[in-house]
Amino acid sequence: MGLESAEFVYLKEQTNASAGNLSLQLDKLKEAKYIKVTKGFKNNYPVTICSVTKIGIKAFEKYVSDLKAYIEIEKVENLVGNRKK
């Protein structure tokens, strides 16, 4: 993974999501314990930092692994399908 933590503003800019939509998605990730949300101040301005948890990293790694397995199954099925034609 590239980032272990990021500020809310950075995530908003990178995803082109609205603040409300991003907040909703982050709440879901927080409930699943995939991220930790820390609120604080930086140069007297409020800042929200989202950090990936170990549970979140494991879930992401499983997701990537499952995707790779699915792609491999599709490749095999396509090869077998093409041979039958």
Protein backbone atom coordinates (compact mmCIF):
# COMPACT_ATOMS: atom_id res chain seq x y z
CA MET A 1 0.00 0.00 0.00
CA GLY A 2 1.19 3.50 -0.80
CA LEU A 3 -0.13 5.51 2.14
CA GLU A 4 -0.69 4.51 5.74
CA SER A 5 -2.47 7.74 6.62
CA ALA A 6 -3.85 10.82 4.89
CA GLU A 7 -5.69 14.01 5.72
CA PHE A 8 -9.38 14.27 4.86
CA VAL A 9 -8.72 17.12 2.43
CA TYR A 10 -6.15 15.04 0.54
CA LEU A 11 -8.57 12.11 0.27
CA LYS A 12 -11.32 14.44 -0.90
CA GLU A 13 -9.09 15.92 -3.61
CA GLN A 14 -7.79 12.53 -4.79
CA THR A 15 -11.22 10.91 -5.01
CA ASN A 16 -13.19 13.93 -6.28
CA ALA A 17 -15.83 12.95 -3.71
CA SER A 18 -18.03 15.43 -1.95
CA ALA A 19 -17.26 16.00 1.72
CA GLY A 20 -20.54 14.35 2.72
CA ASN A 21 -20.03 11.29 0.54
CA LEU A 22 -16.44 10.85 1.71
CA SER A 23 -17.48 11.22 5.35
CA LEU A 24 -20.10 8.50 4.91
CA GLN A 25 -17.61 6.11 3.31
CA LEU A 26 -14.99 6.81 5.98
CA ASP A 27 -17.58 6.15 8.70
CA LYS A 28 -18.25 2.73 7.16
CA LEU A 29 -14.53 1.94 7.02
CA LYS A 30 -14.16 3.11 10.62
CA GLU A 31 -17.07 0.92 11.77
CA ALA A 32 -15.41 -2.07 10.10
CA LYS A 33 -12.18 -1.13 11.95
CA TYR A 34 -10.35 -0.75 8.62
CA ILE A 35 -9.27 2.81 9.44
CA LYS A 36 -8.75 4.98 12.50
CA VAL A 37 -9.89 8.60 12.35
CA THR A 38 -8.02 11.18 14.40
CA LYS A 39 -9.15 14.77 14.73
CA GLY A 40 -6.77 17.51 15.77
CA PHE A 41 -5.32 20.85 14.78
CA LYS A 42 -2.57 21.89 12.38
CA ASN A 43 -1.49 25.54 12.42
CA ASN A 44 -4.65 26.39 14.41
CA TYR A 45 -6.92 24.78 11.78
CA PRO A 46 -8.93 21.61 12.36
CA VAL A 47 -7.55 18.55 10.61
CA THR A 48 -8.88 15.01 10.25
CA ILE A 49 -6.37 12.24 9.64
CA CYS A 50 -7.38 8.77 8.48
CA SER A 51 -4.98 5.92 9.16
CA VAL A 52 -5.20 2.36 7.87
CA THR A 53 -5.32 -0.24 10.66
CA LYS A 54 -3.75 -3.71 10.60
CA ILE A 55 -7.25 -5.11 10.09
CA GLY A 56 -7.69 -2.75 7.13
CA ILE A 57 -4.39 -3.81 5.59
CA LYS A 58 -5.29 -7.50 5.94
CA ALA A 59 -8.74 -6.89 4.41
CA PHE A 60 -7.20 -5.00 1.49
CA GLU A 61 -4.61 -7.72 0.91
CA LYS A 62 -7.39 -10.35 0.89
CA TYR A 63 -9.41 -8.23 -1.54
CA VAL A 64 -6.45 -7.98 -3.93
CA SER A 65 -5.76 -11.71 -3.60
CA ASP A 66 -9.41 -12.58 -4.30
CA LEU A 67 -9.43 -10.27 -7.32
CA LYS A 68 -6.30 -11.92 -8.72
CA ALA A 69 -7.84 -15.37 -8.22
CA TYR A 70 -11.02 -14.26 -9.98
CA ILE A 71 -9.03 -12.89 -12.92
CA GLU A 72 -7.12 -16.16 -13.20
CA ILE A 73 -10.37 -18.16 -13.19
CA GLU A 74 -11.74 -15.91 -15.94
CA LYS A 75 -8.57 -16.42 -18.00
CA VAL A 76 -8.82 -20.20 -17.68
CA GLU A 77 -12.53 -20.21 -18.49
CA ASN A 78 -11.88 -18.05 -21.56
CA LEU A 79 -9.11 -20.39 -22.73
CA VAL A 80 -11.27 -23.46 -22.24
CA GLY A 81 -14.23 -21.73 -23.91
CA ASN A 82 -12.12 -20.75 -26.92
CA ARG A 83 -10.86 -24.32 -27.35
CA LYS A 84 -14.40 -25.69 -27.50
CA LYS A 85 -15.28 -23.42 -30.43
